[in-house]
């Protein structure tokens, strides 16, 4: 339970920020032009800066255990294939809709 609460505390600022942005748009504090400009600013400048900062610290991390990566991505691939097959046969969707 303590580990769960630790992760909730780590994620809480992000969810609070999302809720604050949603509430600001709902009450009319930001127009659609402002939200589009903020979105462009975020994805063209802030996200690359954050990713660069994150990637610059990888040299200090321990080496990757490839067995964990193989297990993770193999299970993801299996679940993806099962989901595609399920939606293709049960809901009769095309390839694009099945992928989504």
PDB file of N, CA and C in Angstrom:
ATOM      1  N   UNK A   1       0.823  -1.188   0.000  1.00  0.00           N
ATOM      2  CA  UNK A   1       0.000   0.000   0.000  1.00  0.00           C
ATOM      3  C   UNK A   1       0.869   1.254   0.000  1.00  0.00           C
ATOM      4  N   UNK A   2       2.000   1.173   0.706  1.00  0.00           N
ATOM      5  CA  UNK A   2       2.874   2.331   0.790  1.00  0.00           C
ATOM      6  C   UNK A   2       3.483   2.649  -0.584  1.00  0.00           C
ATOM      7  N   UNK A   3       3.814   1.608  -1.354  1.00  0.00           N
ATOM      8  CA  UNK A   3       4.348   1.818  -2.693  1.00  0.00           C
ATOM      9  C   UNK A   3       3.298   2.458  -3.603  1.00  0.00           C
ATOM     10  N   UNK A   4       2.053   2.011  -3.471  1.00  0.00           N
ATOM     11  CA  UNK A   4       0.958   2.602  -4.248  1.00  0.00           C
ATOM     12  C   UNK A   4       0.806   4.080  -3.936  1.00  0.00           C
ATOM     13  N   UNK A   5       0.809   4.431  -2.668  1.00  0.00           N
ATOM     14  CA  UNK A   5       0.670   5.837  -2.279  1.00  0.00           C
ATOM     15  C   UNK A   5       1.863   6.662  -2.748  1.00  0.00           C
ATOM     16  N   UNK A   6       3.035   6.052  -2.774  1.00  0.00           N
ATOM     17  CA  UNK A   6       4.211   6.748  -3.297  1.00  0.00           C
ATOM     18  C   UNK A   6       4.019   7.091  -4.769  1.00  0.00           C
ATOM     19  N   UNK A   7       3.506   6.151  -5.553  1.00  0.00           N
ATOM     20  CA  UNK A   7       3.278   6.402  -6.970  1.00  0.00           C
ATOM     21  C   UNK A   7       2.147   7.405  -7.188  1.00  0.00           C
ATOM     22  N   UNK A   8       1.138   7.364  -6.363  1.00  0.00           N
ATOM     23  CA  UNK A   8       0.068   8.366  -6.455  1.00  0.00           C
ATOM     24  C   UNK A   8       0.637   9.750  -6.186  1.00  0.00           C
ATOM     25  N   UNK A   9       1.506   9.865  -5.195  1.00  0.00           N
ATOM     26  CA  UNK A   9       2.123  11.158  -4.884  1.00  0.00           C
ATOM     27  C   UNK A   9       3.008  11.637  -6.033  1.00  0.00           C
ATOM     28  N   UNK A  10       3.668  10.715  -6.721  1.00  0.00           N
ATOM     29  CA  UNK A  10       4.486  11.102  -7.864  1.00  0.00           C
ATOM     30  C   UNK A  10       3.638  11.588  -9.037  1.00  0.00           C
ATOM     31  N   UNK A  11       2.493  10.978  -9.253  1.00  0.00           N
ATOM     32  CA  UNK A  11       1.633  11.317 -10.388  1.00  0.00           C
ATOM     33  C   UNK A  11       0.680  12.470 -10.102  1.00  0.00           C
ATOM     34  N   UNK A  12       0.440  12.779  -8.857  1.00  0.00           N
ATOM     35  CA  UNK A  12      -0.551  13.786  -8.492  1.00  0.00           C
ATOM     36  C   UNK A  12      -0.297  15.151  -9.140  1.00  0.00           C
ATOM     37  N   UNK A  13       0.925  15.668  -9.177  1.00  0.00           N
ATOM     38  CA  UNK A  13       1.115  16.974  -9.821  1.00  0.00           C
ATOM     39  C   UNK A  13       0.725  16.986 -11.298  1.00  0.00           C
ATOM     40  N   UNK A  14       0.988  15.899 -12.001  1.00  0.00           N
ATOM     41  CA  UNK A  14       0.616  15.834 -13.409  1.00  0.00           C
ATOM     42  C   UNK A  14      -0.900  15.873 -13.573  1.00  0.00           C
ATOM     43  N   UNK A  15      -1.612  15.068 -12.802  1.00  0.00           N
ATOM     44  CA  UNK A  15      -3.060  15.048 -12.898  1.00  0.00           C
ATOM     45  C   UNK A  15      -3.661  16.370 -12.428  1.00  0.00           C
ATOM     46  N   UNK A  16      -3.063  16.991 -11.451  1.00  0.00           N
ATOM     47  CA  UNK A  16      -3.522  18.297 -10.999  1.00  0.00           C
ATOM     48  C   UNK A  16      -3.356  19.339 -12.096  1.00  0.00           C
ATOM     49  N   UNK A  17      -2.238  19.298 -12.797  1.00  0.00           N
ATOM     50  CA  UNK A  17      -1.995  20.229 -13.886  1.00  0.00           C
ATOM     51  C   UNK A  17      -2.981  20.019 -15.030  1.00  0.00           C
ATOM     52  N   UNK A  18      -3.257  18.768 -15.360  1.00  0.00           N
ATOM     53  CA  UNK A  18      -4.239  18.469 -16.402  1.00  0.00           C
ATOM     54  C   UNK A  18      -5.620  18.966 -15.987  1.00  0.00           C
ATOM     55  N   UNK A  19      -6.005  18.720 -14.755  1.00  0.00           N
ATOM     56  CA  UNK A  19      -7.308  19.178 -14.267  1.00  0.00           C
ATOM     57  C   UNK A  19      -7.384  20.702 -14.242  1.00  0.00           C
ATOM     58  N   UNK A  20      -6.309  21.351 -13.876  1.00  0.00           N
ATOM     59  CA  UNK A  20      -6.275  22.813 -13.865  1.00  0.00           C
ATOM     60  C   UNK A  20      -6.439  23.375 -15.280  1.00  0.00           C
ATOM     61  N   UNK A  21      -5.755  22.767 -16.258  1.00  0.00           N
ATOM     62  CA  UNK A  21      -5.897  23.200 -17.646  1.00  0.00           C
ATOM     63  C   UNK A  21      -7.292  22.968 -18.172  1.00  0.00           C
ATOM     64  N   UNK A  22      -7.851  21.800 -17.872  1.00  0.00           N
ATOM     65  CA  UNK A  22      -9.210  21.495 -18.317  1.00  0.00           C
ATOM     66  C   UNK A  22     -10.204  22.480 -17.704  1.00  0.00           C
ATOM     67  N   UNK A  23     -10.055  22.739 -16.401  1.00  0.00           N
ATOM     68  CA  UNK A  23     -10.955  23.678 -15.732  1.00  0.00           C
ATOM     69  C   UNK A  23     -10.815  25.093 -16.274  1.00  0.00           C
ATOM     70  N   UNK A  24      -9.594  25.492 -16.612  1.00  0.00           N
ATOM     71  CA  UNK A  24      -9.373  26.837 -17.156  1.00  0.00           C
ATOM     72  C   UNK A  24     -10.064  27.014 -18.501  1.00  0.00           C
ATOM     73  N   UNK A  25     -10.038  25.980 -19.326  1.00  0.00           N
ATOM     74  CA  UNK A  25     -10.719  26.049 -20.622  1.00  0.00           C
ATOM     75  C   UNK A  25     -12.229  26.030 -20.418  1.00  0.00           C
ATOM     76  N   UNK A  26     -12.707  25.190 -19.483  1.00  0.00           N
ATOM     77  CA  UNK A  26     -14.148  25.078 -19.241  1.00  0.00           C
ATOM     78  C   UNK A  26     -14.762  26.391 -18.757  1.00  0.00           C
ATOM     79  N   UNK A  27     -14.043  27.129 -17.914  1.00  0.00           N
ATOM     80  CA  UNK A  27     -14.606  28.387 -17.410  1.00  0.00           C
ATOM     81  C   UNK A  27     -14.353  29.556 -18.360  1.00  0.00           C
ATOM     82  N   UNK A  28     -13.644  29.303 -19.461  1.00  0.00           N
ATOM     83  CA  UNK A  28     -13.435  30.329 -20.474  1.00  0.00           C
ATOM     84  C   UNK A  28     -12.215  31.201 -20.250  1.00  0.00           C
ATOM     85  N   UNK A  29     -11.298  30.754 -19.418  1.00  0.00           N
ATOM     86  CA  UNK A  29     -10.087  31.524 -19.161  1.00  0.00           C
ATOM     87  C   UNK A  29      -9.181  31.558 -20.390  1.00  0.00           C
ATOM     88  N   UNK A  30      -9.183  30.475 -21.174  1.00  0.00           N
ATOM     89  CA  UNK A  30      -8.380  30.398 -22.393  1.00  0.00           C
ATOM     90  C   UNK A  30      -9.285  30.163 -23.586  1.00  0.00           C
ATOM     91  N   UNK A  31      -8.987  30.831 -24.693  1.00  0.00           N
ATOM     92  CA  UNK A  31      -9.723  30.597 -25.936  1.00  0.00           C
ATOM     93  C   UNK A  31      -9.071  29.446 -26.687  1.00  0.00           C
ATOM     94  N   UNK A  32      -9.697  29.015 -27.771  1.00  0.00           N
ATOM     95  CA  UNK A  32      -9.134  27.908 -28.542  1.00  0.00           C
ATOM     96  C   UNK A  32      -7.818  28.317 -29.205  1.00  0.00           C
ATOM     97  N   UNK A  33      -7.669  29.597 -29.570  1.00  0.00           N
ATOM     98  CA  UNK A  33      -6.406  30.052 -30.157  1.00  0.00           C
ATOM     99  C   UNK A  33      -5.272  29.947 -29.142  1.00  0.00           C
ATOM    100  N   UNK A  34      -5.551  30.292 -27.891  1.00  0.00           N
ATOM    101  CA  UNK A  34      -4.534  30.219 -26.844  1.00  0.00           C
ATOM    102  C   UNK A  34      -4.148  28.770 -26.582  1.00  0.00           C
ATOM    103  N   UNK A  35      -5.127  27.879 -26.536  1.00  0.00           N
ATOM    104  CA  UNK A  35      -4.819  26.476 -26.281  1.00  0.00           C
ATOM    105  C   UNK A  35      -4.015  25.871 -27.433  1.00  0.00           C
ATOM    106  N   UNK A  36      -4.324  26.270 -28.676  1.00  0.00           N
ATOM    107  CA  UNK A  36      -3.539  25.784 -29.813  1.00  0.00           C
ATOM    108  C   UNK A  36      -2.103  26.290 -29.728  1.00  0.00           C
ATOM    109  N   UNK A  37      -1.925  27.561 -29.369  1.00  0.00           N
ATOM    110  CA  UNK A  37      -0.579  28.129 -29.251  1.00  0.00           C
ATOM    111  C   UNK A  37       0.197  27.463 -28.117  1.00  0.00           C
ATOM    112  N   UNK A  38      -0.462  27.208 -26.997  1.00  0.00           N
ATOM    113  CA  UNK A  38       0.198  26.526 -25.882  1.00  0.00           C
ATOM    114  C   UNK A  38       0.574  25.094 -26.257  1.00  0.00           C
ATOM    115  N   UNK A  39      -0.282  24.427 -27.006  1.00  0.00           N
ATOM    116  CA  UNK A  39       0.019  23.076 -27.462  1.00  0.00           C
ATOM    117  C   UNK A  39       1.225  23.055 -28.394  1.00  0.00           C
ATOM    118  N   UNK A  40       1.266  23.990 -29.338  1.00  0.00           N
ATOM    119  CA  UNK A  40       2.425  24.073 -30.239  1.00  0.00           C
ATOM    120  C   UNK A  40       3.694  24.372 -29.460  1.00  0.00           C
ATOM    121  N   UNK A  41       3.621  25.309 -28.514  1.00  0.00           N
ATOM    122  CA  UNK A  41       4.784  25.663 -27.695  1.00  0.00           C
ATOM    123  C   UNK A  41       5.263  24.459 -26.896  1.00  0.00           C
ATOM    124  N   UNK A  42       4.334  23.725 -26.341  1.00  0.00           N
ATOM    125  CA  UNK A  42       4.687  22.564 -25.529  1.00  0.00           C
ATOM    126  C   UNK A  42       5.363  21.490 -26.361  1.00  0.00           C
ATOM    127  N   UNK A  43       4.761  21.130 -27.496  1.00  0.00           N
ATOM    128  CA  UNK A  43       5.293  20.007 -28.266  1.00  0.00           C
ATOM    129  C   UNK A  43       6.470  20.376 -29.158  1.00  0.00           C
ATOM    130  N   UNK A  44       6.655  21.660 -29.449  1.00  0.00           N
ATOM    131  CA  UNK A  44       7.793  22.060 -30.283  1.00  0.00           C
ATOM    132  C   UNK A  44       9.000  22.502 -29.468  1.00  0.00           C
ATOM    133  N   UNK A  45       8.803  22.931 -28.223  1.00  0.00           N
ATOM    134  CA  UNK A  45       9.935  23.397 -27.434  1.00  0.00           C
ATOM    135  C   UNK A  45      10.082  22.638 -26.110  1.00  0.00           C
ATOM    136  N   UNK A  46       9.036  22.632 -25.305  1.00  0.00           N
ATOM    137  CA  UNK A  46       9.163  22.071 -23.965  1.00  0.00           C
ATOM    138  C   UNK A  46       9.413  20.563 -23.957  1.00  0.00           C
ATOM    139  N   UNK A  47       8.702  19.815 -24.799  1.00  0.00           N
ATOM    140  CA  UNK A  47       8.906  18.360 -24.835  1.00  0.00           C
ATOM    141  C   UNK A  47      10.314  17.988 -25.308  1.00  0.00           C
ATOM    142  N   UNK A  48      10.843  18.593 -26.380  1.00  0.00           N
ATOM    143  CA  UNK A  48      12.223  18.263 -26.748  1.00  0.00           C
ATOM    144  C   UNK A  48      13.237  18.617 -25.664  1.00  0.00           C
ATOM    145  N   UNK A  49      13.028  19.732 -24.970  1.00  0.00           N
ATOM    146  CA  UNK A  49      13.941  20.102 -23.884  1.00  0.00           C
ATOM    147  C   UNK A  49      13.881  19.067 -22.770  1.00  0.00           C
ATOM    148  N   UNK A  50      12.670  18.633 -22.414  1.00  0.00           N
ATOM    149  CA  UNK A  50      12.521  17.635 -21.368  1.00  0.00           C
ATOM    150  C   UNK A  50      13.170  16.311 -21.776  1.00  0.00           C
ATOM    151  N   UNK A  51      12.957  15.893 -23.029  1.00  0.00           N
ATOM    152  CA  UNK A  51      13.546  14.639 -23.497  1.00  0.00           C
ATOM    153  C   UNK A  51      15.065  14.723 -23.553  1.00  0.00           C
ATOM    154  N   UNK A  52      15.600  15.865 -23.962  1.00  0.00           N
ATOM    155  CA  UNK A  52      17.053  16.030 -23.985  1.00  0.00           C
ATOM    156  C   UNK A  52      17.621  15.939 -22.574  1.00  0.00           C
ATOM    157  N   UNK A  53      16.964  16.579 -21.624  1.00  0.00           N
ATOM    158  CA  UNK A  53      17.430  16.533 -20.229  1.00  0.00           C
ATOM    159  C   UNK A  53      17.374  15.106 -19.696  1.00  0.00           C
ATOM    160  N   UNK A  54      16.318  14.388 -20.027  1.00  0.00           N
ATOM    161  CA  UNK A  54      16.177  13.003 -19.593  1.00  0.00           C
ATOM    162  C   UNK A  54      17.249  12.118 -20.225  1.00  0.00           C
ATOM    163  N   UNK A  55      17.484  12.276 -21.520  1.00  0.00           N
ATOM    164  CA  UNK A  55      18.456  11.436 -22.222  1.00  0.00           C
ATOM    165  C   UNK A  55      19.890  11.759 -21.816  1.00  0.00           C
ATOM    166  N   UNK A  56      20.151  12.979 -21.379  1.00  0.00           N
ATOM    167  CA  UNK A  56      21.522  13.330 -21.016  1.00  0.00           C
ATOM    168  C   UNK A  56      21.977  12.639 -19.729  1.00  0.00           C
ATOM    169  N   UNK A  57      21.042  12.128 -18.938  1.00  0.00           N
ATOM    170  CA  UNK A  57      21.396  11.450 -17.697  1.00  0.00           C
ATOM    171  C   UNK A  57      21.517   9.942 -17.827  1.00  0.00           C
ATOM    172  N   UNK A  58      21.359   9.393 -19.042  1.00  0.00           N
ATOM    173  CA  UNK A  58      21.405   7.942 -19.223  1.00  0.00           C
ATOM    174  C   UNK A  58      22.788   7.356 -18.974  1.00  0.00           C
ATOM    175  N   UNK A  59      23.850   8.133 -19.157  1.00  0.00           N
ATOM    176  CA  UNK A  59      25.199   7.610 -18.959  1.00  0.00           C
ATOM    177  C   UNK A  59      25.446   7.245 -17.498  1.00  0.00           C
ATOM    178  N   UNK A  60      24.731   7.864 -16.578  1.00  0.00           N
ATOM    179  CA  UNK A  60      24.905   7.610 -15.158  1.00  0.00           C
ATOM    180  C   UNK A  60      24.099   6.411 -14.670  1.00  0.00           C
ATOM    181  N   UNK A  61      23.251   5.847 -15.527  1.00  0.00           N
ATOM    182  CA  UNK A  61      22.383   4.744 -15.119  1.00  0.00           C
ATOM    183  C   UNK A  61      23.092   3.404 -15.282  1.00  0.00           C
ATOM    184  N   UNK A  62      22.633   2.397 -14.554  1.00  0.00           N
ATOM    185  CA  UNK A  62      23.242   1.061 -14.691  1.00  0.00           C
ATOM    186  C   UNK A  62      22.929   0.474 -16.062  1.00  0.00           C
ATOM    187  N   UNK A  63      23.683  -0.547 -16.487  1.00  0.00           N
ATOM    188  CA  UNK A  63      23.438  -1.144 -17.801  1.00  0.00           C
ATOM    189  C   UNK A  63      22.068  -1.819 -17.867  1.00  0.00           C
ATOM    190  N   UNK A  64      21.555  -1.918 -19.088  1.00  0.00           N
ATOM    191  CA  UNK A  64      20.224  -2.477 -19.321  1.00  0.00           C
ATOM    192  C   UNK A  64      20.292  -4.003 -19.294  1.00  0.00           C
ATOM    193  N   UNK A  65      19.340  -4.616 -18.622  1.00  0.00           N
ATOM    194  CA  UNK A  65      19.210  -6.073 -18.647  1.00  0.00           C
ATOM    195  C   UNK A  65      18.304  -6.425 -19.832  1.00  0.00           C
ATOM    196  N   UNK A  66      18.891  -6.957 -20.888  1.00  0.00           N
ATOM    197  CA  UNK A  66      18.160  -7.217 -22.118  1.00  0.00           C
ATOM    198  C   UNK A  66      17.054  -8.255 -21.927  1.00  0.00           C
ATOM    199  N   UNK A  67      17.186  -9.142 -20.959  1.00  0.00           N
ATOM    200  CA  UNK A  67      16.138 -10.140 -20.726  1.00  0.00           C
ATOM    201  C   UNK A  67      14.829  -9.471 -20.325  1.00  0.00           C
ATOM    202  N   UNK A  68      14.922  -8.399 -19.539  1.00  0.00           N
ATOM    203  CA  UNK A  68      13.716  -7.677 -19.133  1.00  0.00           C
ATOM    204  C   UNK A  68      13.083  -6.997 -20.331  1.00  0.00           C
ATOM    205  N   UNK A  69      13.900  -6.374 -21.167  1.00  0.00           N
ATOM    206  CA  UNK A  69      13.364  -5.714 -22.359  1.00  0.00           C
ATOM    207  C   UNK A  69      12.715  -6.709 -23.306  1.00  0.00           C
ATOM    208  N   UNK A  70      13.357  -7.864 -23.497  1.00  0.00           N
ATOM    209  CA  UNK A  70      12.788  -8.879 -24.384  1.00  0.00           C
ATOM    210  C   UNK A  70      11.464  -9.398 -23.827  1.00  0.00           C
ATOM    211  N   UNK A  71      11.406  -9.636 -22.537  1.00  0.00           N
ATOM    212  CA  UNK A  71      10.160 -10.114 -21.917  1.00  0.00           C
ATOM    213  C   UNK A  71       9.056  -9.069 -22.050  1.00  0.00           C
ATOM    214  N   UNK A  72       9.385  -7.802 -21.825  1.00  0.00           N
ATOM    215  CA  UNK A  72       8.382  -6.735 -21.907  1.00  0.00           C
ATOM    216  C   UNK A  72       7.856  -6.588 -23.329  1.00  0.00           C
ATOM    217  N   UNK A  73       8.756  -6.447 -24.304  1.00  0.00           N
ATOM    218  CA  UNK A  73       8.310  -6.203 -25.664  1.00  0.00           C
ATOM    219  C   UNK A  73       7.703  -7.445 -26.304  1.00  0.00           C
ATOM    220  N   UNK A  74       8.128  -8.617 -25.906  1.00  0.00           N
ATOM    221  CA  UNK A  74       7.491  -9.838 -26.416  1.00  0.00           C
ATOM    222  C   UNK A  74       6.055  -9.927 -25.913  1.00  0.00           C
ATOM    223  N   UNK A  75       5.840  -9.627 -24.642  1.00  0.00           N
ATOM    224  CA  UNK A  75       4.472  -9.667 -24.120  1.00  0.00           C
ATOM    225  C   UNK A  75       3.610  -8.573 -24.753  1.00  0.00           C
ATOM    226  N   UNK A  76       4.183  -7.403 -24.998  1.00  0.00           N
ATOM    227  CA  UNK A  76       3.435  -6.343 -25.682  1.00  0.00           C
ATOM    228  C   UNK A  76       3.041  -6.774 -27.089  1.00  0.00           C
ATOM    229  N   UNK A  77       3.951  -7.423 -27.791  1.00  0.00           N
ATOM    230  CA  UNK A  77       3.665  -7.881 -29.153  1.00  0.00           C
ATOM    231  C   UNK A  77       2.572  -8.946 -29.154  1.00  0.00           C
ATOM    232  N   UNK A  78       2.612  -9.844 -28.201  1.00  0.00           N
ATOM    233  CA  UNK A  78       1.584 -10.891 -28.109  1.00  0.00           C
ATOM    234  C   UNK A  78       0.213 -10.278 -27.824  1.00  0.00           C
ATOM    235  N   UNK A  79       0.141  -9.355 -26.875  1.00  0.00           N
ATOM    236  CA  UNK A  79      -1.131  -8.705 -26.546  1.00  0.00           C
ATOM    237  C   UNK A  79      -1.642  -7.900 -27.731  1.00  0.00           C
ATOM    238  N   UNK A  80      -0.745  -7.211 -28.441  1.00  0.00           N
ATOM    239  CA  UNK A  80      -1.129  -6.438 -29.621  1.00  0.00           C
ATOM    240  C   UNK A  80      -1.729  -7.360 -30.682  1.00  0.00           C
ATOM    241  N   UNK A  81      -1.064  -8.479 -30.959  1.00  0.00           N
ATOM    242  CA  UNK A  81      -1.556  -9.419 -31.966  1.00  0.00           C
ATOM    243  C   UNK A  81      -2.903 -10.013 -31.553  1.00  0.00           C
ATOM    244  N   UNK A  82      -3.057 -10.335 -30.290  1.00  0.00           N
ATOM    245  CA  UNK A  82      -4.333 -10.871 -29.811  1.00  0.00           C
ATOM    246  C   UNK A  82      -5.443  -9.831 -29.945  1.00  0.00           C
ATOM    247  N   UNK A  83      -5.152  -8.587 -29.599  1.00  0.00           N
ATOM    248  CA  UNK A  83      -6.148  -7.524 -29.714  1.00  0.00           C
ATOM    249  C   UNK A  83      -6.547  -7.267 -31.149  1.00  0.00           C
ATOM    250  N   UNK A  84      -5.562  -7.248 -32.051  1.00  0.00           N
ATOM    251  CA  UNK A  84      -5.864  -7.052 -33.474  1.00  0.00           C
ATOM    252  C   UNK A  84      -6.746  -8.171 -34.004  1.00  0.00           C
ATOM    253  N   UNK A  85      -6.395  -9.385 -33.656  1.00  0.00           N
ATOM    254  CA  UNK A  85      -7.174 -10.531 -34.116  1.00  0.00           C
ATOM    255  C   UNK A  85      -8.591 -10.492 -33.553  1.00  0.00           C
ATOM    256  N   UNK A  86      -8.703 -10.167 -32.272  1.00  0.00           N
ATOM    257  CA  UNK A  86     -10.016 -10.098 -31.631  1.00  0.00           C
ATOM    258  C   UNK A  86     -10.911  -9.072 -32.318  1.00  0.00           C
ATOM    259  N   UNK A  87     -10.396  -7.854 -32.522  1.00  0.00           N
ATOM    260  CA  UNK A  87     -11.226  -6.807 -33.112  1.00  0.00           C
ATOM    261  C   UNK A  87     -11.521  -7.080 -34.590  1.00  0.00           C
ATOM    262  N   UNK A  88     -10.577  -7.719 -35.280  1.00  0.00           N
ATOM    263  CA  UNK A  88     -10.806  -8.034 -36.692  1.00  0.00           C
ATOM    264  C   UNK A  88     -11.929  -9.050 -36.846  1.00  0.00           C
ATOM    265  N   UNK A  89     -11.945 -10.071 -35.991  1.00  0.00           N
ATOM    266  CA  UNK A  89     -12.921 -11.142 -36.137  1.00  0.00           C
ATOM    267  C   UNK A  89     -14.236 -10.849 -35.421  1.00  0.00           C
ATOM    268  N   UNK A  90     -14.196 -10.207 -34.276  1.00  0.00           N
ATOM    269  CA  UNK A  90     -15.428  -9.962 -33.520  1.00  0.00           C
ATOM    270  C   UNK A  90     -16.172  -8.736 -34.035  1.00  0.00           C
ATOM    271  N   UNK A  91     -15.446  -7.635 -34.269  1.00  0.00           N
ATOM    272  CA  UNK A  91     -16.099  -6.390 -34.677  1.00  0.00           C
ATOM    273  C   UNK A  91     -16.015  -6.137 -36.177  1.00  0.00           C
ATOM    274  N   UNK A  92     -15.344  -7.019 -36.923  1.00  0.00           N
ATOM    275  CA  UNK A  92     -15.221  -6.923 -38.381  1.00  0.00           C
ATOM    276  C   UNK A  92     -14.687  -5.558 -38.820  1.00  0.00           C
ATOM    277  N   UNK A  93     -13.612  -5.093 -38.168  1.00  0.00           N
ATOM    278  CA  UNK A  93     -13.033  -3.795 -38.502  1.00  0.00           C
ATOM    279  C   UNK A  93     -11.956  -3.959 -39.566  1.00  0.00           C
ATOM    280  N   UNK A  94     -11.647  -2.847 -40.254  1.00  0.00           N
ATOM    281  CA  UNK A  94     -10.568  -2.868 -41.246  1.00  0.00           C
ATOM    282  C   UNK A  94      -9.224  -2.746 -40.541  1.00  0.00           C
ATOM    283  N   UNK A  95      -8.134  -2.733 -41.306  1.00  0.00           N
ATOM    284  CA  UNK A  95      -6.790  -2.753 -40.713  1.00  0.00           C
ATOM    285  C   UNK A  95      -6.506  -1.496 -39.888  1.00  0.00           C
ATOM    286  N   UNK A  96      -6.926  -0.331 -40.387  1.00  0.00           N
ATOM    287  CA  UNK A  96      -6.649   0.916 -39.652  1.00  0.00           C
ATOM    288  C   UNK A  96      -7.418   0.949 -38.326  1.00  0.00           C
ATOM    289  N   UNK A  97      -8.676   0.625 -38.357  1.00  0.00           N
ATOM    290  CA  UNK A  97      -9.483   0.640 -37.134  1.00  0.00           C
ATOM    291  C   UNK A  97      -9.015  -0.438 -36.163  1.00  0.00           C
ATOM    292  N   UNK A  98      -8.585  -1.578 -36.675  1.00  0.00           N
ATOM    293  CA  UNK A  98      -8.098  -2.641 -35.809  1.00  0.00           C
ATOM    294  C   UNK A  98      -6.826  -2.209 -35.078  1.00  0.00           C
ATOM    295  N   UNK A  99      -5.952  -1.491 -35.777  1.00  0.00           N
ATOM    296  CA  UNK A  99      -4.714  -1.030 -35.160  1.00  0.00           C
ATOM    297  C   UNK A  99      -5.002  -0.019 -34.055  1.00  0.00           C
ATOM    298  N   UNK A 100      -5.929   0.877 -34.316  1.00  0.00           N
ATOM    299  CA  UNK A 100      -6.277   1.878 -33.300  1.00  0.00           C
ATOM    300  C   UNK A 100      -6.914   1.201 -32.115  1.00  0.00           C
TER     301      UNK A 100
END
